[in-house]
N, C-alpha and C. Protein backbone atom coordinates (compact mmCIF):
# COMPACT_ATOMS: atom_id res chain seq x y z
N UNK A 1 1.03 -1.46 0.30
CA UNK A 1 0.12 0.49 0.14
C UNK A 1 0.90 1.17 -0.05
N UNK A 2 0.35 2.01 -0.56
CA UNK A 2 0.92 3.89 -0.83
C UNK A 2 0.44 4.36 0.14
N UNK A 3 1.25 5.91 0.84
CA UNK A 3 0.12 6.61 0.96
C UNK A 3 0.74 7.81 0.82
N UNK A 4 0.27 8.50 0.41
CA UNK A 4 1.02 10.36 0.24
C UNK A 4 0.97 10.99 1.24
N UNK A 5 1.93 11.27 2.02
CA UNK A 5 1.71 12.65 3.20
C UNK A 5 2.08 14.37 3.24
N UNK A 6 1.52 14.99 3.80
CA UNK A 6 2.49 16.40 3.96
C UNK A 6 2.98 16.39 5.07
N UNK A 7 4.29 16.50 5.40
CA UNK A 7 5.22 16.69 6.49
C UNK A 7 4.91 18.05 7.12
N UNK A 8 4.56 17.63 8.23
CA UNK A 8 4.26 18.80 9.16
C UNK A 8 4.89 19.35 9.93
N UNK A 9 6.39 18.04 10.59
CA UNK A 9 7.59 18.47 11.32
C UNK A 9 7.97 20.19 11.13
N UNK A 10 8.73 20.52 9.73
CA UNK A 10 8.54 21.81 9.68
C UNK A 10 8.44 22.63 8.62
N UNK A 11 8.64 23.41 8.09
CA UNK A 11 7.98 25.27 7.55
C UNK A 11 8.00 24.14 6.29
N UNK A 12 8.79 23.74 5.50
CA UNK A 12 8.95 23.36 4.11
C UNK A 12 7.73 22.23 3.57
N UNK A 13 7.52 21.54 4.66
CA UNK A 13 6.31 20.91 3.80
C UNK A 13 6.39 20.04 3.31
N UNK A 14 7.14 19.19 3.21
CA UNK A 14 7.70 18.20 2.27
C UNK A 14 6.19 17.21 1.82
N UNK A 15 6.04 16.94 0.82
CA UNK A 15 5.19 15.90 0.63
C UNK A 15 5.97 14.21 0.67
N UNK A 16 5.09 13.81 0.95
CA UNK A 16 6.13 12.54 1.70
C UNK A 16 5.15 11.60 0.76
N UNK A 17 5.77 10.04 0.55
CA UNK A 17 5.12 8.46 -0.13
C UNK A 17 5.86 8.00 0.61
N UNK A 18 4.83 7.17 1.53
CA UNK A 18 5.25 5.66 2.17
C UNK A 18 4.85 4.71 1.40
N UNK A 19 5.66 3.75 1.38
CA UNK A 19 5.25 2.45 1.39
C UNK A 19 5.47 1.32 2.15
N UNK A 20 3.71 1.26 2.83
CA UNK A 20 3.67 0.00 3.67
C UNK A 20 3.37 -1.23 3.40
N UNK A 21 4.23 -2.07 4.07
CA UNK A 21 3.70 -3.54 3.72
C UNK A 21 3.30 -4.47 4.76
N UNK A 22 1.95 -4.90 4.95
CA UNK A 22 2.18 -5.78 6.14
C UNK A 22 2.04 -5.31 7.56
N UNK A 23 1.57 -3.68 7.39
CA UNK A 23 1.13 -3.03 8.81
C UNK A 23 2.76 -2.58 8.85
N UNK A 24 3.84 -2.61 8.31
CA UNK A 24 5.04 -1.87 8.93
C UNK A 24 5.77 -0.81 7.18
N UNK A 25 6.62 0.38 7.75
CA UNK A 25 6.66 1.08 6.74
C UNK A 25 8.10 0.39 6.41
N UNK A 26 7.90 0.23 4.80
CA UNK A 26 9.06 -0.10 4.20
C UNK A 26 10.19 1.32 3.69
N UNK A 27 9.44 1.96 3.30
CA UNK A 27 10.13 3.00 2.88
C UNK A 27 9.53 4.52 2.71
N UNK A 28 10.69 5.46 2.54
CA UNK A 28 9.59 6.46 2.64
C UNK A 28 10.45 7.22 2.27
N UNK A 29 9.84 8.36 1.18
CA UNK A 29 10.47 8.96 -0.07
C UNK A 29 9.98 10.46 0.20
N UNK A 30 10.38 11.37 -0.54
CA UNK A 30 9.66 12.84 -0.62
C UNK A 30 10.57 13.54 0.63
N UNK A 31 11.16 13.23 1.52
CA UNK A 31 11.89 13.89 2.73
C UNK A 31 12.65 14.84 2.79
N UNK A 32 13.20 16.03 3.21
CA UNK A 32 14.09 16.87 2.68
C UNK A 32 15.24 16.35 4.02
N UNK A 33 14.58 15.84 4.93
CA UNK A 33 15.65 16.17 6.16
C UNK A 33 14.98 14.67 6.99
N UNK A 34 15.49 13.65 7.86
CA UNK A 34 15.73 12.32 8.94
C UNK A 34 14.10 13.12 9.14
N UNK A 35 14.11 13.84 10.07
CA UNK A 35 12.98 14.35 10.33
C UNK A 35 11.33 13.31 9.86
N UNK A 36 11.66 14.07 8.36
CA UNK A 36 10.20 13.68 7.33
C UNK A 36 10.15 12.31 7.43
N UNK A 37 11.18 11.94 8.09
CA UNK A 37 11.65 9.73 7.71
C UNK A 37 10.77 9.30 8.73
N UNK A 38 11.15 10.11 9.91
CA UNK A 38 10.60 9.40 11.14
C UNK A 38 9.07 10.03 11.36
N UNK A 39 8.49 11.28 10.91
CA UNK A 39 7.15 11.54 10.98
C UNK A 39 6.14 11.07 10.53
N UNK A 40 6.61 10.21 9.22
CA UNK A 40 6.11 9.12 8.21
C UNK A 40 6.05 8.35 8.96
N UNK A 41 7.12 7.45 9.17
CA UNK A 41 6.43 6.01 10.07
C UNK A 41 5.94 6.40 11.44
N UNK A 42 6.05 7.28 12.61
CA UNK A 42 5.02 7.69 13.36
C UNK A 42 3.79 7.36 12.81
N UNK A 43 3.19 8.47 12.28
CA UNK A 43 1.80 8.75 11.25
C UNK A 43 1.18 8.13 10.91
N UNK A 44 1.98 6.71 10.01
CA UNK A 44 1.34 5.37 9.65
C UNK A 44 0.93 4.09 10.50
N UNK A 45 2.19 4.02 11.67
CA UNK A 45 1.99 3.24 12.31
C UNK A 45 1.63 3.69 13.12
N UNK A 46 1.36 4.47 14.14
CA UNK A 46 0.91 4.71 15.81
C UNK A 46 1.05 6.23 15.83
N UNK A 47 -0.01 6.99 15.06
CA UNK A 47 0.28 8.46 15.23
C UNK A 47 -0.42 8.96 16.38
N UNK A 48 -0.07 10.31 16.76
CA UNK A 48 0.44 10.78 18.09
C UNK A 48 -0.10 12.25 18.33
N UNK A 49 -0.78 12.90 18.71
CA UNK A 49 -0.93 13.91 19.01
C UNK A 49 -1.02 15.11 20.42
N UNK A 50 -0.89 16.28 19.90
CA UNK A 50 -0.44 16.79 21.29
C UNK A 50 -2.44 17.66 21.43
N UNK A 51 -2.97 17.32 22.76
CA UNK A 51 -4.49 17.94 22.69
C UNK A 51 -4.20 19.37 23.68
N UNK A 52 -5.07 19.73 22.85
CA UNK A 52 -4.64 21.48 23.28
C UNK A 52 -6.65 21.31 23.45
N UNK A 53 -7.01 22.14 24.60
CA UNK A 53 -8.38 22.39 24.89
C UNK A 53 -8.18 23.07 26.15
N UNK A 54 -9.57 23.36 26.93
CA UNK A 54 -9.89 23.84 28.02
C UNK A 54 -10.64 23.04 28.60
N UNK A 55 -10.54 23.67 29.78
CA UNK A 55 -10.71 22.54 30.89
C UNK A 55 -11.74 24.20 32.01
N UNK A 56 -12.58 23.42 32.47
CA UNK A 56 -13.37 24.49 33.63
C UNK A 56 -13.32 24.51 34.94
N UNK A 57 -12.88 25.47 35.47
CA UNK A 57 -12.38 25.51 37.12
C UNK A 57 -13.03 25.74 37.96
N UNK A 58 -12.74 24.83 38.81
CA UNK A 58 -13.97 24.84 40.12
C UNK A 58 -15.00 26.29 40.34
N UNK A 59 -14.01 27.76 39.69
CA UNK A 59 -15.06 29.16 40.00
C UNK A 59 -15.82 29.13 38.30
N UNK A 60 -15.57 28.10 37.46
CA UNK A 60 -16.35 28.19 36.94
C UNK A 60 -15.93 29.26 35.31
N UNK A 61 -14.65 29.58 35.66
CA UNK A 61 -14.00 30.03 34.71
C UNK A 61 -13.15 28.91 33.55
N UNK A 62 -12.71 29.49 32.10
CA UNK A 62 -12.36 28.10 31.41
C UNK A 62 -11.16 28.74 31.61
N UNK A 63 -10.36 27.80 31.76
CA UNK A 63 -8.82 27.35 31.74
C UNK A 63 -8.16 27.10 30.04
N UNK A 64 -7.46 27.11 29.65
CA UNK A 64 -6.69 26.64 28.52
C UNK A 64 -5.41 25.85 28.76
N UNK A 65 -5.50 24.21 28.52
CA UNK A 65 -4.31 23.54 28.65
C UNK A 65 -3.76 23.03 27.70
N UNK A 66 -3.14 21.71 27.55
CA UNK A 66 -2.38 21.09 26.61
C UNK A 66 -1.36 19.96 27.44
N UNK A 67 -1.78 19.30 26.50
CA UNK A 67 -0.96 17.88 26.73
C UNK A 67 0.82 18.00 26.51
N UNK A 68 1.98 17.53 27.62
CA UNK A 68 3.06 18.29 27.70
C UNK A 68 3.88 17.11 26.69
N UNK A 69 3.08 16.39 26.48
CA UNK A 69 4.00 15.73 24.74
C UNK A 69 2.44 14.49 24.11
N UNK A 70 2.56 14.74 23.22
CA UNK A 70 1.68 13.66 22.68
C UNK A 70 1.36 12.22 23.17
N UNK A 71 0.15 12.07 22.87
CA UNK A 71 -0.51 11.03 23.10
C UNK A 71 -0.74 10.48 21.94
N UNK A 72 -1.28 9.53 21.90
CA UNK A 72 -1.92 8.29 20.96
C UNK A 72 -3.21 8.98 20.23
N UNK A 73 -3.29 8.94 19.36
CA UNK A 73 -4.55 9.83 17.97
C UNK A 73 -5.81 8.83 18.76
N UNK A 74 -6.07 7.95 18.82
CA UNK A 74 -7.21 7.10 19.03
C UNK A 74 -7.78 7.44 20.16
N UNK A 75 -6.88 7.76 21.48
CA UNK A 75 -7.69 8.14 22.85
C UNK A 75 -7.53 9.56 22.71
N UNK A 76 -7.52 10.60 21.69
CA UNK A 76 -7.85 12.07 22.37
C UNK A 76 -9.36 12.71 22.79
N UNK A 77 -10.56 10.93 22.21
CA UNK A 77 -11.83 11.32 23.45
C UNK A 77 -11.61 10.71 23.85
N UNK A 78 -11.18 10.09 24.25
CA UNK A 78 -10.88 9.11 25.72
C UNK A 78 -10.63 10.26 26.57
N UNK A 79 -9.10 11.15 26.82
CA UNK A 79 -8.51 11.83 27.31
C UNK A 79 -9.28 13.22 27.15
N UNK A 80 -10.21 13.86 26.58
CA UNK A 80 -11.15 14.74 26.61
C UNK A 80 -11.77 14.80 27.85
N UNK A 81 -12.63 13.82 27.88
CA UNK A 81 -13.95 13.52 29.29
C UNK A 81 -12.44 12.95 30.27
N UNK A 82 -11.36 12.51 30.41
CA UNK A 82 -10.34 12.91 31.91
C UNK A 82 -10.32 14.45 31.87
N UNK A 83 -9.96 14.95 30.88
CA UNK A 83 -9.87 16.83 31.23
C UNK A 83 -10.94 17.42 31.27
N UNK A 84 -12.12 16.86 31.05
CA UNK A 84 -14.08 17.41 31.40
C UNK A 84 -13.74 17.32 32.56
N UNK A 85 -13.59 16.41 33.06
CA UNK A 85 -14.05 15.85 34.73
C UNK A 85 -12.85 16.76 35.52
N UNK A 86 -12.00 17.83 35.55
CA UNK A 86 -11.36 18.75 35.96
C UNK A 86 -11.42 19.27 36.67
N UNK A 87 -11.68 19.61 37.57
CA UNK A 87 -11.87 21.26 38.65
C UNK A 87 -10.74 22.05 39.19
N UNK A 88 -9.92 22.37 38.68
CA UNK A 88 -9.09 23.16 39.13
C UNK A 88 -9.53 24.21 39.91
N UNK A 89 -8.47 24.68 40.80
CA UNK A 89 -9.00 25.53 41.53
C UNK A 89 -8.12 27.13 41.31
N UNK A 90 -9.00 28.36 41.08
CA UNK A 90 -7.98 29.24 41.00
C UNK A 90 -6.95 30.09 41.93
N UNK A 91 -6.01 31.05 41.95
CA UNK A 91 -5.20 31.54 40.70
C UNK A 91 -4.87 30.00 39.86
N UNK A 92 -4.65 30.26 38.72
CA UNK A 92 -3.39 28.87 37.97
C UNK A 92 -2.43 29.73 37.64
N UNK A 93 -1.13 28.72 37.08
CA UNK A 93 -0.27 29.47 36.08
C UNK A 93 0.40 28.75 35.57
N UNK A 94 1.11 29.63 34.49
CA UNK A 94 1.21 29.05 33.39
C UNK A 94 1.97 27.30 33.27
N UNK A 95 1.78 26.43 32.84
CA UNK A 95 3.04 25.60 33.17
C UNK A 95 2.49 24.39 34.41
N UNK A 96 1.19 25.34 35.30
CA UNK A 96 0.70 24.06 36.59
C UNK A 96 0.28 22.86 35.95
N UNK A 97 0.40 22.15 36.29
CA UNK A 97 -0.15 20.77 35.90
C UNK A 97 -1.31 20.84 36.76
N UNK A 98 -2.52 20.13 35.47
CA UNK A 98 -3.87 20.18 36.29
C UNK A 98 -4.12 18.96 36.18
N UNK A 99 -3.85 17.96 34.96
CA UNK A 99 -3.74 16.66 35.28
C UNK A 99 -2.47 15.88 35.52
N UNK A 100 -2.24 15.12 36.64
CA UNK A 100 -0.49 14.33 36.10
C UNK A 100 -0.71 13.37 35.23
N UNK A 101 -1.43 12.75 34.65
CA UNK A 101 -1.64 11.48 33.78
C UNK A 101 -2.86 11.22 32.81
N UNK A 102 -2.82 11.76 31.88
CA UNK A 102 -3.42 11.68 30.53
C UNK A 102 -2.79 10.76 29.40
N UNK A 103 -3.29 9.25 29.72
CA UNK A 103 -2.38 8.76 28.77
C UNK A 103 -0.93 8.60 28.68
N UNK A 104 -0.16 9.25 29.65
CA UNK A 104 1.54 8.63 29.50
C UNK A 104 1.67 10.23 29.48
N UNK A 105 0.98 11.22 29.23
CA UNK A 105 1.30 12.82 29.50
C UNK A 105 0.73 13.49 30.12
N UNK A 106 0.87 14.67 30.81
CA UNK A 106 0.76 15.72 32.19
C UNK A 106 -0.14 17.08 30.90
N UNK A 107 -1.30 17.16 31.41
CA UNK A 107 -1.99 18.50 31.18
C UNK A 107 -1.58 19.69 31.67
N UNK A 108 -1.16 20.29 31.05
CA UNK A 108 -0.98 21.61 31.55
C UNK A 108 -1.30 23.48 31.12
N UNK A 109 -1.48 23.42 32.38
CA UNK A 109 -2.42 25.15 32.08
C UNK A 109 -1.22 25.89 31.39
N UNK A 110 -1.59 26.96 30.01
CA UNK A 110 -0.83 27.30 28.98
C UNK A 110 -1.15 28.98 29.08
N UNK A 111 -1.84 29.81 30.38
CA UNK A 111 -2.32 30.97 30.72
C UNK A 111 -2.42 31.24 32.40
N UNK A 112 -2.22 32.40 32.16
CA UNK A 112 -2.28 32.43 34.33
C UNK A 112 -3.54 33.21 33.64
N UNK A 113 -4.58 32.15 34.73
CA UNK A 113 -6.22 32.79 34.79
C UNK A 113 -5.67 32.83 36.76
N UNK A 114 -6.31 34.59 37.44
CA UNK A 114 -6.22 34.59 37.94
C UNK A 114 -8.13 34.80 38.88
N UNK A 115 -8.16 35.04 40.49
CA UNK A 115 -9.37 35.14 40.75
C UNK A 115 -10.02 36.42 40.07
N UNK A 116 -11.24 36.42 40.01
CA UNK A 116 -11.84 37.39 39.82
C UNK A 116 -12.64 37.87 41.10
N UNK A 117 -12.38 39.12 40.85
CA UNK A 117 -13.02 40.18 42.60
C UNK A 117 -14.01 40.51 42.41
């Protein structure tokens, strides 16, 4: 099977051609750097994504969060359920860990949020 991808690792956006045989990547072409090859292999065999979303604080304020590393793409909806059940308390600082384990990643705040008077 042949699969065409656009690499998203850097701004070049190489068009990658990936040959997959029996569920394994046999070859990758079109990449301008080794990162493109690694991206194609991961994307075809076990795709991962960094999840960026919001969580509602105990005080009712939306707080932007993201996972600190990529998680399996097929776990994104389950991860959203986990994150949606969290209710952190304000104030929150950038980098505060909101959830310690979301499929091997931590959900961290991406914005400072203060308590409103």
